[in-house]
Amino acid sequence: MGLLSESEYHASLMGQMTRVPQEEPPSFDFWPYFESIPTGDFEGFDCSAGRVEYVYRESAGRFEHVLVDSNDKNVFMVLVLDRVASKVQGHRLLNLRREYGLDAPGAPPNKRLEPTRRMIKE
């Protein structure tokens, strides 16, 4: 599918999002898809280390959000995995500071924000 619009992204956030334990293996190999994401979709952020600290699964169990870390602790390339179809539904850059107005003058210092369900979907 490619780059997801905001509405397409939010459509994959059905029900409660639960963090998947780090020791649980991925549902399928999503790295070939990740490697094919156009450079412009990263908006200048570097996710090339391929580090994943957060994975969230929606309550029905169909979709997982894999958050690939970037060079900024509050920016992730999110891959939306369709576990039923065993394919990547698409991707979206998640910039927590931009989404929650934390880059505005007078905002708190740049500390790591843990992506919670509330932060992922308002």
PDB file of N, CA and C in Angstrom:
ATOM      1  N   MET A   1       0.812  -1.191   0.000  1.00  0.00           N
ATOM      2  CA  MET A   1       0.000   0.000   0.000  1.00  0.00           C
ATOM      3  C   MET A   1       0.857   1.257   0.000  1.00  0.00           C
ATOM      4  N   GLY A   2       1.960   1.283   0.733  1.00  0.00           N
ATOM      5  CA  GLY A   2       2.831   2.451   0.747  1.00  0.00           C
ATOM      6  C   GLY A   2       2.538   3.390   1.895  1.00  0.00           C
ATOM      7  N   LEU A   3       2.815   4.657   1.658  1.00  0.00           N
ATOM      8  CA  LEU A   3       2.641   5.685   2.684  1.00  0.00           C
ATOM      9  C   LEU A   3       1.162   5.820   3.030  1.00  0.00           C
ATOM     10  N   LEU A   4       0.857   5.704   4.314  1.00  0.00           N
ATOM     11  CA  LEU A   4      -0.526   5.775   4.779  1.00  0.00           C
ATOM     12  C   LEU A   4      -0.909   7.219   5.098  1.00  0.00           C
ATOM     13  N   SER A   5      -2.120   7.587   4.734  1.00  0.00           N
ATOM     14  CA  SER A   5      -2.653   8.882   5.145  1.00  0.00           C
ATOM     15  C   SER A   5      -2.970   8.797   6.636  1.00  0.00           C
ATOM     16  N   GLU A   6      -3.238   9.931   7.228  1.00  0.00           N
ATOM     17  CA  GLU A   6      -3.579   9.927   8.652  1.00  0.00           C
ATOM     18  C   GLU A   6      -4.815   9.073   8.921  1.00  0.00           C
ATOM     19  N   SER A   7      -5.831   9.167   8.074  1.00  0.00           N
ATOM     20  CA  SER A   7      -7.052   8.380   8.277  1.00  0.00           C
ATOM     21  C   SER A   7      -6.806   6.887   8.055  1.00  0.00           C
ATOM     22  N   GLU A   8      -6.000   6.530   7.073  1.00  0.00           N
ATOM     23  CA  GLU A   8      -5.678   5.110   6.853  1.00  0.00           C
ATOM     24  C   GLU A   8      -4.911   4.556   8.047  1.00  0.00           C
ATOM     25  N   TYR A   9      -3.978   5.356   8.555  1.00  0.00           N
ATOM     26  CA  TYR A   9      -3.191   4.950   9.724  1.00  0.00           C
ATOM     27  C   TYR A   9      -4.104   4.729  10.928  1.00  0.00           C
ATOM     28  N   HIS A  10      -4.977   5.688  11.201  1.00  0.00           N
ATOM     29  CA  HIS A  10      -5.858   5.585  12.356  1.00  0.00           C
ATOM     30  C   HIS A  10      -6.862   4.441  12.217  1.00  0.00           C
ATOM     31  N   ALA A  11      -7.196   4.062  10.995  1.00  0.00           N
ATOM     32  CA  ALA A  11      -8.114   2.936  10.792  1.00  0.00           C
ATOM     33  C   ALA A  11      -7.514   1.617  11.293  1.00  0.00           C
ATOM     34  N   SER A  12      -6.194   1.553  11.387  1.00  0.00           N
ATOM     35  CA  SER A  12      -5.556   0.316  11.872  1.00  0.00           C
ATOM     36  C   SER A  12      -5.433   0.307  13.395  1.00  0.00           C
ATOM     37  N   LEU A  13      -5.939   1.330  14.060  1.00  0.00           N
ATOM     38  CA  LEU A  13      -5.881   1.437  15.513  1.00  0.00           C
ATOM     39  C   LEU A  13      -7.229   1.051  16.123  1.00  0.00           C
ATOM     40  N   MET A  14      -7.721  -0.120  15.758  1.00  0.00           N
ATOM     41  CA  MET A  14      -9.016  -0.563  16.259  1.00  0.00           C
ATOM     42  C   MET A  14      -8.867  -1.099  17.680  1.00  0.00           C
ATOM     43  N   GLY A  15      -9.748  -0.665  18.550  1.00  0.00           N
ATOM     44  CA  GLY A  15      -9.717  -1.166  19.921  1.00  0.00           C
ATOM     45  C   GLY A  15      -8.477  -0.705  20.664  1.00  0.00           C
ATOM     46  N   GLN A  16      -8.165  -1.415  21.709  1.00  0.00           N
ATOM     47  CA  GLN A  16      -7.019  -1.066  22.548  1.00  0.00           C
ATOM     48  C   GLN A  16      -5.725  -1.597  21.937  1.00  0.00           C
ATOM     49  N   MET A  17      -4.688  -0.756  21.953  1.00  0.00           N
ATOM     50  CA  MET A  17      -3.367  -1.162  21.475  1.00  0.00           C
ATOM     51  C   MET A  17      -2.564  -1.638  22.682  1.00  0.00           C
ATOM     52  N   THR A  18      -1.994  -2.828  22.564  1.00  0.00           N
ATOM     53  CA  THR A  18      -1.217  -3.428  23.648  1.00  0.00           C
ATOM     54  C   THR A  18       0.211  -3.635  23.182  1.00  0.00           C
ATOM     55  N   ARG A  19       1.140  -3.308  24.051  1.00  0.00           N
ATOM     56  CA  ARG A  19       2.549  -3.493  23.708  1.00  0.00           C
ATOM     57  C   ARG A  19       2.881  -4.985  23.655  1.00  0.00           C
ATOM     58  N   VAL A  20       3.566  -5.378  22.588  1.00  0.00           N
ATOM     59  CA  VAL A  20       3.984  -6.769  22.389  1.00  0.00           C
ATOM     60  C   VAL A  20       5.334  -6.942  23.083  1.00  0.00           C
ATOM     61  N   PRO A  21       5.506  -8.017  23.857  1.00  0.00           N
ATOM     62  CA  PRO A  21       6.804  -8.237  24.524  1.00  0.00           C
ATOM     63  C   PRO A  21       7.946  -8.304  23.509  1.00  0.00           C
ATOM     64  N   GLN A  22       9.086  -7.719  23.874  1.00  0.00           N
ATOM     65  CA  GLN A  22      10.233  -7.664  22.959  1.00  0.00           C
ATOM     66  C   GLN A  22      10.725  -9.041  22.554  1.00  0.00           C
ATOM     67  N   GLU A  23      10.560 -10.023  23.423  1.00  0.00           N
ATOM     68  CA  GLU A  23      11.063 -11.361  23.093  1.00  0.00           C
ATOM     69  C   GLU A  23      10.171 -12.110  22.101  1.00  0.00           C
ATOM     70  N   GLU A  24       8.972 -11.599  21.828  1.00  0.00           N
ATOM     71  CA  GLU A  24       8.091 -12.255  20.861  1.00  0.00           C
ATOM     72  C   GLU A  24       8.599 -11.990  19.449  1.00  0.00           C
ATOM     73  N   PRO A  25       8.769 -13.040  18.654  1.00  0.00           N
ATOM     74  CA  PRO A  25       9.287 -12.835  17.288  1.00  0.00           C
ATOM     75  C   PRO A  25       8.269 -12.118  16.405  1.00  0.00           C
ATOM     76  N   PRO A  26       8.751 -11.454  15.360  1.00  0.00           N
ATOM     77  CA  PRO A  26       7.832 -10.759  14.444  1.00  0.00           C
ATOM     78  C   PRO A  26       6.865 -11.741  13.790  1.00  0.00           C
ATOM     79  N   SER A  27       5.711 -11.251  13.415  1.00  0.00           N
ATOM     80  CA  SER A  27       4.700 -12.084  12.760  1.00  0.00           C
ATOM     81  C   SER A  27       5.192 -12.619  11.426  1.00  0.00           C
ATOM     82  N   PHE A  28       6.002 -11.813  10.731  1.00  0.00           N
ATOM     83  CA  PHE A  28       6.608 -12.211   9.456  1.00  0.00           C
ATOM     84  C   PHE A  28       7.740 -11.230   9.162  1.00  0.00           C
ATOM     85  N   ASP A  29       8.529 -11.514   8.149  1.00  0.00           N
ATOM     86  CA  ASP A  29       9.684 -10.685   7.798  1.00  0.00           C
ATOM     87  C   ASP A  29       9.219  -9.429   7.058  1.00  0.00           C
ATOM     88  N   PHE A  30       9.283  -8.295   7.741  1.00  0.00           N
ATOM     89  CA  PHE A  30       8.849  -7.024   7.170  1.00  0.00           C
ATOM     90  C   PHE A  30      10.013  -6.187   6.654  1.00  0.00           C
ATOM     91  N   TRP A  31      11.246  -6.632   6.877  1.00  0.00           N
ATOM     92  CA  TRP A  31      12.410  -5.815   6.497  1.00  0.00           C
ATOM     93  C   TRP A  31      12.529  -5.556   4.999  1.00  0.00           C
ATOM     94  N   PRO A  32      12.177  -6.497   4.107  1.00  0.00           N
ATOM     95  CA  PRO A  32      12.232  -6.158   2.677  1.00  0.00           C
ATOM     96  C   PRO A  32      11.327  -4.956   2.341  1.00  0.00           C
ATOM     97  N   TYR A  33      10.163  -4.893   2.965  1.00  0.00           N
ATOM     98  CA  TYR A  33       9.277  -3.742   2.756  1.00  0.00           C
ATOM     99  C   TYR A  33       9.953  -2.471   3.275  1.00  0.00           C
ATOM    100  N   PHE A  34      10.500  -2.541   4.485  1.00  0.00           N
ATOM    101  CA  PHE A  34      11.152  -1.388   5.089  1.00  0.00           C
ATOM    102  C   PHE A  34      12.239  -0.843   4.173  1.00  0.00           C
ATOM    103  N   GLU A  35      13.041  -1.740   3.615  1.00  0.00           N
ATOM    104  CA  GLU A  35      14.138  -1.333   2.735  1.00  0.00           C
ATOM    105  C   GLU A  35      13.639  -0.656   1.462  1.00  0.00           C
ATOM    106  N   SER A  36      12.385  -0.873   1.100  1.00  0.00           N
ATOM    107  CA  SER A  36      11.848  -0.295  -0.137  1.00  0.00           C
ATOM    108  C   SER A  36      11.132   1.043   0.081  1.00  0.00           C
ATOM    109  N   ILE A  37      11.046   1.511   1.322  1.00  0.00           N
ATOM    110  CA  ILE A  37      10.377   2.783   1.596  1.00  0.00           C
ATOM    111  C   ILE A  37      11.184   3.916   0.952  1.00  0.00           C
ATOM    112  N   PRO A  38      10.527   4.779   0.192  1.00  0.00           N
ATOM    113  CA  PRO A  38      11.242   5.896  -0.435  1.00  0.00           C
ATOM    114  C   PRO A  38      11.896   6.806   0.609  1.00  0.00           C
ATOM    115  N   THR A  39      13.080   7.289   0.291  1.00  0.00           N
ATOM    116  CA  THR A  39      13.846   8.141   1.202  1.00  0.00           C
ATOM    117  C   THR A  39      13.027   9.336   1.689  1.00  0.00           C
ATOM    118  N   GLY A  40      12.258   9.948   0.829  1.00  0.00           N
ATOM    119  CA  GLY A  40      11.467  11.113   1.197  1.00  0.00           C
ATOM    120  C   GLY A  40      10.450  10.844   2.298  1.00  0.00           C
ATOM    121  N   ASP A  41       9.988   9.606   2.419  1.00  0.00           N
ATOM    122  CA  ASP A  41       9.001   9.266   3.448  1.00  0.00           C
ATOM    123  C   ASP A  41       9.589   9.346   4.855  1.00  0.00           C
ATOM    124  N   PHE A  42      10.926   9.352   4.952  1.00  0.00           N
ATOM    125  CA  PHE A  42      11.589   9.457   6.261  1.00  0.00           C
ATOM    126  C   PHE A  42      11.748  10.914   6.708  1.00  0.00           C
ATOM    127  N   GLU A  43      11.418  11.858   5.820  1.00  0.00           N
ATOM    128  CA  GLU A  43      11.446  13.291   6.125  1.00  0.00           C
ATOM    129  C   GLU A  43      12.769  13.735   6.767  1.00  0.00           C
ATOM    130  N   GLY A  44      13.868  13.147   6.321  1.00  0.00           N
ATOM    131  CA  GLY A  44      15.188  13.528   6.812  1.00  0.00           C
ATOM    132  C   GLY A  44      15.646  12.785   8.054  1.00  0.00           C
ATOM    133  N   PHE A  45      14.806  11.961   8.652  1.00  0.00           N
ATOM    134  CA  PHE A  45      15.202  11.185   9.830  1.00  0.00           C
ATOM    135  C   PHE A  45      15.880   9.898   9.382  1.00  0.00           C
ATOM    136  N   ASP A  46      16.804   9.404  10.197  1.00  0.00           N
ATOM    137  CA  ASP A  46      17.588   8.223   9.859  1.00  0.00           C
ATOM    138  C   ASP A  46      17.121   7.035  10.698  1.00  0.00           C
ATOM    139  N   CYS A  47      16.514   6.047  10.044  1.00  0.00           N
ATOM    140  CA  CYS A  47      16.045   4.821  10.706  1.00  0.00           C
ATOM    141  C   CYS A  47      16.873   3.620  10.253  1.00  0.00           C
ATOM    142  N   SER A  48      18.028   3.885   9.657  1.00  0.00           N
ATOM    143  CA  SER A  48      18.811   2.827   9.014  1.00  0.00           C
ATOM    144  C   SER A  48      19.417   1.814   9.978  1.00  0.00           C
ATOM    145  N   ALA A  49      19.465   2.119  11.276  1.00  0.00           N
ATOM    146  CA  ALA A  49      20.011   1.152  12.237  1.00  0.00           C
ATOM    147  C   ALA A  49      19.102  -0.066  12.378  1.00  0.00           C
ATOM    148  N   GLY A  50      17.847   0.057  11.981  1.00  0.00           N
ATOM    149  CA  GLY A  50      16.927  -1.071  12.033  1.00  0.00           C
ATOM    150  C   GLY A  50      16.609  -1.525  13.448  1.00  0.00           C
ATOM    151  N   ARG A  51      16.574  -0.611  14.371  1.00  0.00           N
ATOM    152  CA  ARG A  51      16.305  -0.938  15.777  1.00  0.00           C
ATOM    153  C   ARG A  51      14.813  -0.771  16.065  1.00  0.00           C
ATOM    154  N   VAL A  52      14.232  -1.793  16.699  1.00  0.00           N
ATOM    155  CA  VAL A  52      12.817  -1.772  17.065  1.00  0.00           C
ATOM    156  C   VAL A  52      12.705  -2.012  18.561  1.00  0.00           C
ATOM    157  N   GLU A  53      12.176  -1.032  19.263  1.00  0.00           N
ATOM    158  CA  GLU A  53      11.959  -1.165  20.704  1.00  0.00           C
ATOM    159  C   GLU A  53      10.482  -1.351  21.031  1.00  0.00           C
ATOM    160  N   TYR A  54       9.609  -0.782  20.199  1.00  0.00           N
ATOM    161  CA  TYR A  54       8.171  -0.820  20.464  1.00  0.00           C
ATOM    162  C   TYR A  54       7.414  -1.518  19.340  1.00  0.00           C
ATOM    163  N   VAL A  55       6.538  -2.438  19.733  1.00  0.00           N
ATOM    164  CA  VAL A  55       5.585  -3.065  18.818  1.00  0.00           C
ATOM    165  C   VAL A  55       4.256  -3.099  19.568  1.00  0.00           C
ATOM    166  N   TYR A  56       3.204  -2.665  18.890  1.00  0.00           N
ATOM    167  CA  TYR A  56       1.877  -2.651  19.497  1.00  0.00           C
ATOM    168  C   TYR A  56       0.921  -3.470  18.641  1.00  0.00           C
ATOM    169  N   ARG A  57       0.009  -4.186  19.305  1.00  0.00           N
ATOM    170  CA  ARG A  57      -0.989  -5.007  18.613  1.00  0.00           C
ATOM    171  C   ARG A  57      -2.375  -4.517  19.029  1.00  0.00           C
ATOM    172  N   GLU A  58      -3.257  -4.388  18.050  1.00  0.00           N
ATOM    173  CA  GLU A  58      -4.619  -3.965  18.380  1.00  0.00           C
ATOM    174  C   GLU A  58      -5.391  -5.156  18.937  1.00  0.00           C
ATOM    175  N   SER A  59      -6.461  -4.856  19.663  1.00  0.00           N
ATOM    176  CA  SER A  59      -7.153  -5.863  20.466  1.00  0.00           C
ATOM    177  C   SER A  59      -7.696  -7.052  19.670  1.00  0.00           C
ATOM    178  N   ALA A  60      -8.086  -6.858  18.422  1.00  0.00           N
ATOM    179  CA  ALA A  60      -8.575  -7.981  17.617  1.00  0.00           C
ATOM    180  C   ALA A  60      -7.431  -8.874  17.139  1.00  0.00           C
ATOM    181  N   GLY A  61      -6.207  -8.384  17.236  1.00  0.00           N
ATOM    182  CA  GLY A  61      -5.040  -9.179  16.865  1.00  0.00           C
ATOM    183  C   GLY A  61      -4.679  -9.153  15.394  1.00  0.00           C
ATOM    184  N   ARG A  62      -5.407  -8.394  14.602  1.00  0.00           N
ATOM    185  CA  ARG A  62      -5.111  -8.384  13.167  1.00  0.00           C
ATOM    186  C   ARG A  62      -3.914  -7.504  12.830  1.00  0.00           C
ATOM    187  N   PHE A  63      -3.860  -6.306  13.397  1.00  0.00           N
ATOM    188  CA  PHE A  63      -2.810  -5.362  13.037  1.00  0.00           C
ATOM    189  C   PHE A  63      -1.768  -5.203  14.142  1.00  0.00           C
ATOM    190  N   GLU A  64      -0.528  -5.075  13.717  1.00  0.00           N
ATOM    191  CA  GLU A  64       0.568  -4.712  14.606  1.00  0.00           C
ATOM    192  C   GLU A  64       1.215  -3.454  14.062  1.00  0.00           C
ATOM    193  N   HIS A  65       1.646  -2.600  14.979  1.00  0.00           N
ATOM    194  CA  HIS A  65       2.410  -1.414  14.621  1.00  0.00           C
ATOM    195  C   HIS A  65       3.834  -1.634  15.102  1.00  0.00           C
ATOM    196  N   VAL A  66       4.754  -1.722  14.160  1.00  0.00           N
ATOM    197  CA  VAL A  66       6.170  -1.887  14.461  1.00  0.00           C
ATOM    198  C   VAL A  66       6.798  -0.513  14.334  1.00  0.00           C
ATOM    199  N   LEU A  67       7.384  -0.015  15.426  1.00  0.00           N
ATOM    200  CA  LEU A  67       7.974   1.317  15.444  1.00  0.00           C
ATOM    201  C   LEU A  67       9.483   1.190  15.304  1.00  0.00           C
ATOM    202  N   VAL A  68      10.001   1.542  14.131  1.00  0.00           N
ATOM    203  CA  VAL A  68      11.433   1.493  13.867  1.00  0.00           C
ATOM    204  C   VAL A  68      12.027   2.816  14.343  1.00  0.00           C
ATOM    205  N   ASP A  69      12.986   2.712  15.272  1.00  0.00           N
ATOM    206  CA  ASP A  69      13.617   3.901  15.853  1.00  0.00           C
ATOM    207  C   ASP A  69      14.336   4.723  14.796  1.00  0.00           C
ATOM    208  N   SER A  70      14.407   6.025  15.064  1.00  0.00           N
ATOM    209  CA  SER A  70      15.175   6.922  14.203  1.00  0.00           C
ATOM    210  C   SER A  70      16.313   7.539  15.015  1.00  0.00           C
ATOM    211  N   ASN A  71      17.023   8.470  14.393  1.00  0.00           N
ATOM    212  CA  ASN A  71      18.084   9.191  15.087  1.00  0.00           C
ATOM    213  C   ASN A  71      17.526  10.199  16.095  1.00  0.00           C
ATOM    214  N   ASP A  72      16.222  10.397  16.117  1.00  0.00           N
ATOM    215  CA  ASP A  72      15.544  11.239  17.105  1.00  0.00           C
ATOM    216  C   ASP A  72      14.702  10.321  17.976  1.00  0.00           C
ATOM    217  N   LYS A  73      14.881  10.414  19.271  1.00  0.00           N
ATOM    218  CA  LYS A  73      14.227   9.482  20.189  1.00  0.00           C
ATOM    219  C   LYS A  73      12.704   9.573  20.193  1.00  0.00           C
ATOM    220  N   ASN A  74      12.133  10.582  19.556  1.00  0.00           N
ATOM    221  CA  ASN A  74      10.683  10.734  19.526  1.00  0.00           C
ATOM    222  C   ASN A  74      10.087  10.647  18.122  1.00  0.00           C
ATOM    223  N   VAL A  75      10.858  10.063  17.202  1.00  0.00           N
ATOM    224  CA  VAL A  75      10.394   9.893  15.824  1.00  0.00           C
ATOM    225  C   VAL A  75      10.608   8.444  15.421  1.00  0.00           C
ATOM    226  N   PHE A  76       9.569   7.852  14.840  1.00  0.00           N
ATOM    227  CA  PHE A  76       9.602   6.437  14.451  1.00  0.00           C
ATOM    228  C   PHE A  76       8.993   6.274  13.067  1.00  0.00           C
ATOM    229  N   MET A  77       9.515   5.324  12.304  1.00  0.00           N
ATOM    230  CA  MET A  77       8.832   4.899  11.095  1.00  0.00           C
ATOM    231  C   MET A  77       7.956   3.724  11.526  1.00  0.00           C
ATOM    232  N   VAL A  78       6.651   3.909  11.427  1.00  0.00           N
ATOM    233  CA  VAL A  78       5.706   2.874  11.858  1.00  0.00           C
ATOM    234  C   VAL A  78       5.324   2.031  10.652  1.00  0.00           C
ATOM    235  N   LEU A  79       5.531   0.733  10.783  1.00  0.00           N
ATOM    236  CA  LEU A  79       5.070  -0.213   9.774  1.00  0.00           C
ATOM    237  C   LEU A  79       3.800  -0.858  10.313  1.00  0.00           C
ATOM    238  N   VAL A  80       2.735  -0.811   9.557  1.00  0.00           N
ATOM    239  CA  VAL A  80       1.479  -1.425   9.969  1.00  0.00           C
ATOM    240  C   VAL A  80       1.406  -2.800   9.310  1.00  0.00           C
ATOM    241  N   LEU A  81       1.489  -3.832  10.159  1.00  0.00           N
ATOM    242  CA  LEU A  81       1.476  -5.204   9.662  1.00  0.00           C
ATOM    243  C   LEU A  81       0.066  -5.784   9.751  1.00  0.00           C
ATOM    244  N   ASP A  82      -0.378  -6.393   8.680  1.00  0.00           N
ATOM    245  CA  ASP A  82      -1.639  -7.136   8.671  1.00  0.00           C
ATOM    246  C   ASP A  82      -1.264  -8.589   8.941  1.00  0.00           C
ATOM    247  N   ARG A  83      -1.496  -9.040  10.164  1.00  0.00           N
ATOM    248  CA  ARG A  83      -1.076 -10.381  10.581  1.00  0.00           C
ATOM    249  C   ARG A  83      -1.896 -11.472   9.912  1.00  0.00           C
ATOM    250  N   VAL A  84      -3.135 -11.185   9.517  1.00  0.00           N
ATOM    251  CA  VAL A  84      -3.988 -12.176   8.860  1.00  0.00           C
ATOM    252  C   VAL A  84      -3.500 -12.425   7.439  1.00  0.00           C
ATOM    253  N   ALA A  85      -3.206 -11.348   6.717  1.00  0.00           N
ATOM    254  CA  ALA A  85      -2.752 -11.463   5.328  1.00  0.00           C
ATOM    255  C   ALA A  85      -1.243 -11.670   5.218  1.00  0.00           C
ATOM    256  N   SER A  86      -0.521 -11.554   6.352  1.00  0.00           N
ATOM    257  CA  SER A  86       0.946 -11.666   6.377  1.00  0.00           C
ATOM    258  C   SER A  86       1.598 -10.709   5.375  1.00  0.00           C
ATOM    259  N   LYS A  87       1.165  -9.445   5.463  1.00  0.00           N
ATOM    260  CA  LYS A  87       1.750  -8.424   4.593  1.00  0.00           C
ATOM    261  C   LYS A  87       1.783  -7.096   5.335  1.00  0.00           C
ATOM    262  N   VAL A  88       2.632  -6.208   4.848  1.00  0.00           N
ATOM    263  CA  VAL A  88       2.687  -4.869   5.407  1.00  0.00           C
ATOM    264  C   VAL A  88       1.572  -4.054   4.768  1.00  0.00           C
ATOM    265  N   GLN A  89       0.716  -3.496   5.599  1.00  0.00           N
ATOM    266  CA  GLN A  89      -0.405  -2.680   5.136  1.00  0.00           C
ATOM    267  C   GLN A  89       0.079  -1.328   4.625  1.00  0.00           C
ATOM    268  N   GLY A  90       1.151  -0.819   5.217  1.00  0.00           N
ATOM    269  CA  GLY A  90       1.702   0.465   4.817  1.00  0.00           C
ATOM    270  C   GLY A  90       2.586   1.013   5.921  1.00  0.00           C
ATOM    271  N   HIS A  91       2.982   2.268   5.779  1.00  0.00           N
ATOM    272  CA  HIS A  91       3.881   2.893   6.744  1.00  0.00           C
ATOM    273  C   HIS A  91       3.528   4.359   6.931  1.00  0.00           C
ATOM    274  N   ARG A  92       3.971   4.911   8.056  1.00  0.00           N
ATOM    275  CA  ARG A  92       3.751   6.325   8.358  1.00  0.00           C
ATOM    276  C   ARG A  92       4.813   6.780   9.336  1.00  0.00           C
ATOM    277  N   LEU A  93       5.377   7.964   9.113  1.00  0.00           N
ATOM    278  CA  LEU A  93       6.334   8.531  10.039  1.00  0.00           C
ATOM    279  C   LEU A  93       5.563   9.086  11.234  1.00  0.00           C
ATOM    280  N   LEU A  94       5.931   8.654  12.437  1.00  0.00           N
ATOM    281  CA  LEU A  94       5.299   9.119  13.665  1.00  0.00           C
ATOM    282  C   LEU A  94       6.287  10.013  14.400  1.00  0.00           C
ATOM    283  N   ASN A  95       6.004  11.314  14.394  1.00  0.00           N
ATOM    284  CA  ASN A  95       6.841  12.297  15.071  1.00  0.00           C
ATOM    285  C   ASN A  95       6.042  12.781  16.272  1.00  0.00           C
ATOM    286  N   LEU A  96       6.352  12.224  17.444  1.00  0.00           N
ATOM    287  CA  LEU A  96       5.571  12.520  18.644  1.00  0.00           C
ATOM    288  C   LEU A  96       5.655  13.979  19.051  1.00  0.00           C
ATOM    289  N   ARG A  97       6.807  14.586  18.884  1.00  0.00           N
ATOM    290  CA  ARG A  97       6.948  15.998  19.262  1.00  0.00           C
ATOM    291  C   ARG A  97       6.075  16.887  18.367  1.00  0.00           C
ATOM    292  N   ARG A  98       6.029  16.600  17.087  1.00  0.00           N
ATOM    293  CA  ARG A  98       5.211  17.403  16.166  1.00  0.00           C
ATOM    294  C   ARG A  98       3.717  17.146  16.414  1.00  0.00           C
ATOM    295  N   GLU A  99       3.350  15.885  16.599  1.00  0.00           N
ATOM    296  CA  GLU A  99       1.937  15.549  16.778  1.00  0.00           C
ATOM    297  C   GLU A  99       1.339  16.154  18.038  1.00  0.00           C
ATOM    298  N   TYR A 100       2.150  16.338  19.050  1.00  0.00           N
ATOM    299  CA  TYR A 100       1.629  16.823  20.324  1.00  0.00           C
ATOM    300  C   TYR A 100       2.129  18.216  20.667  1.00  0.00           C
ATOM    301  N   GLY A 101       2.610  18.949  19.654  1.00  0.00           N
ATOM    302  CA  GLY A 101       2.978  20.336  19.835  1.00  0.00           C
ATOM    303  C   GLY A 101       4.147  20.571  20.764  1.00  0.00           C
ATOM    304  N   LEU A 102       5.018  19.581  20.895  1.00  0.00           N
ATOM    305  CA  LEU A 102       6.128  19.700  21.827  1.00  0.00           C
ATOM    306  C   LEU A 102       7.331  20.427  21.225  1.00  0.00           C
ATOM    307  N   ASP A 103       7.247  20.797  19.953  1.00  0.00           N
ATOM    308  CA  ASP A 103       8.315  21.578  19.325  1.00  0.00           C
ATOM    309  C   ASP A 103       8.036  23.072  19.422  1.00  0.00           C
ATOM    310  N   ALA A 104       6.901  23.425  19.977  1.00  0.00           N
ATOM    311  CA  ALA A 104       6.522  24.833  20.096  1.00  0.00           C
ATOM    312  C   ALA A 104       7.409  25.540  21.118  1.00  0.00           C
ATOM    313  N   PRO A 105       7.591  26.849  20.963  1.00  0.00           N
ATOM    314  CA  PRO A 105       8.378  27.598  21.950  1.00  0.00           C
ATOM    315  C   PRO A 105       7.805  27.393  23.356  1.00  0.00           C
ATOM    316  N   GLY A 106       8.688  27.198  24.308  1.00  0.00           N
ATOM    317  CA  GLY A 106       8.269  26.981  25.693  1.00  0.00           C
ATOM    318  C   GLY A 106       7.883  25.547  26.009  1.00  0.00           C
ATOM    319  N   ALA A 107       7.991  24.646  25.023  1.00  0.00           N
ATOM    320  CA  ALA A 107       7.668  23.229  25.266  1.00  0.00           C
ATOM    321  C   ALA A 107       8.749  22.613  26.137  1.00  0.00           C
ATOM    322  N   PRO A 108       8.430  21.502  26.815  1.00  0.00           N
ATOM    323  CA  PRO A 108       9.437  20.859  27.667  1.00  0.00           C
ATOM    324  C   PRO A 108      10.628  20.370  26.853  1.00  0.00           C
ATOM    325  N   PRO A 109      11.780  20.131  27.516  1.00  0.00           N
ATOM    326  CA  PRO A 109      12.975  19.657  26.804  1.00  0.00           C
ATOM    327  C   PRO A 109      12.711  18.349  26.061  1.00  0.00           C
ATOM    328  N   ASN A 110      13.565  18.087  25.080  1.00  0.00           N
ATOM    329  CA  ASN A 110      13.422  16.906  24.240  1.00  0.00           C
ATOM    330  C   ASN A 110      13.808  15.646  25.014  1.00  0.00           C
ATOM    331  N   LYS A 111      12.855  15.075  25.726  1.00  0.00           N
ATOM    332  CA  LYS A 111      13.089  13.804  26.410  1.00  0.00           C
ATOM    333  C   LYS A 111      12.278  12.736  25.705  1.00  0.00           C
ATOM    334  N   ARG A 112      12.640  11.494  25.916  1.00  0.00           N
ATOM    335  CA  ARG A 112      11.952  10.402  25.229  1.00  0.00           C
ATOM    336  C   ARG A 112      10.537  10.259  25.759  1.00  0.00           C
ATOM    337  N   LEU A 113       9.581  10.243  24.842  1.00  0.00           N
ATOM    338  CA  LEU A 113       8.185  10.027  25.170  1.00  0.00           C
ATOM    339  C   LEU A 113       7.852   8.595  24.794  1.00  0.00           C
ATOM    340  N   GLU A 114       7.323   7.821  25.704  1.00  0.00           N
ATOM    341  CA  GLU A 114       6.952   6.456  25.344  1.00  0.00           C
ATOM    342  C   GLU A 114       5.668   6.502  24.538  1.00  0.00           C
ATOM    343  N   PRO A 115       5.675   5.908  23.331  1.00  0.00           N
ATOM    344  CA  PRO A 115       4.465   5.930  22.517  1.00  0.00           C
ATOM    345  C   PRO A 115       3.398   5.037  23.146  1.00  0.00           C
ATOM    346  N   THR A 116       2.377   5.653  23.656  1.00  0.00           N
ATOM    347  CA  THR A 116       1.276   4.909  24.251  1.00  0.00           C
ATOM    348  C   THR A 116       0.112   4.933  23.292  1.00  0.00           C
ATOM    349  N   ARG A 117      -0.925   4.203  23.577  1.00  0.00           N
ATOM    350  CA  ARG A 117      -2.105   4.210  22.711  1.00  0.00           C
ATOM    351  C   ARG A 117      -2.634   5.639  22.613  1.00  0.00           C
ATOM    352  N   ARG A 118      -2.646   6.364  23.726  1.00  0.00           N
ATOM    353  CA  ARG A 118      -3.143   7.728  23.714  1.00  0.00           C
ATOM    354  C   ARG A 118      -2.315   8.588  22.772  1.00  0.00           C
ATOM    355  N   MET A 119      -1.011   8.378  22.747  1.00  0.00           N
ATOM    356  CA  MET A 119      -0.154   9.159  21.870  1.00  0.00           C
ATOM    357  C   MET A 119      -0.291   8.738  20.419  1.00  0.00           C
ATOM    358  N   ILE A 120      -0.593   7.496  20.179  1.00  0.00           N
ATOM    359  CA  ILE A 120      -0.679   7.007  18.813  1.00  0.00           C
ATOM    360  C   ILE A 120      -2.019   7.397  18.193  1.00  0.00           C
ATOM    361  N   LYS A 121      -3.066   7.367  18.987  1.00  0.00           N
ATOM    362  CA  LYS A 121      -4.392   7.714  18.468  1.00  0.00           C
ATOM    363  C   LYS A 121      -5.094   8.576  19.490  1.00  0.00           C
ATOM    364  N   GLU A 122      -5.516   9.737  19.058  1.00  0.00           N
ATOM    365  CA  GLU A 122      -6.215  10.630  19.980  1.00  0.00           C
ATOM    366  C   GLU A 122      -7.664  10.238  20.081  1.00  0.00           C
TER     367      GLU A 122
END
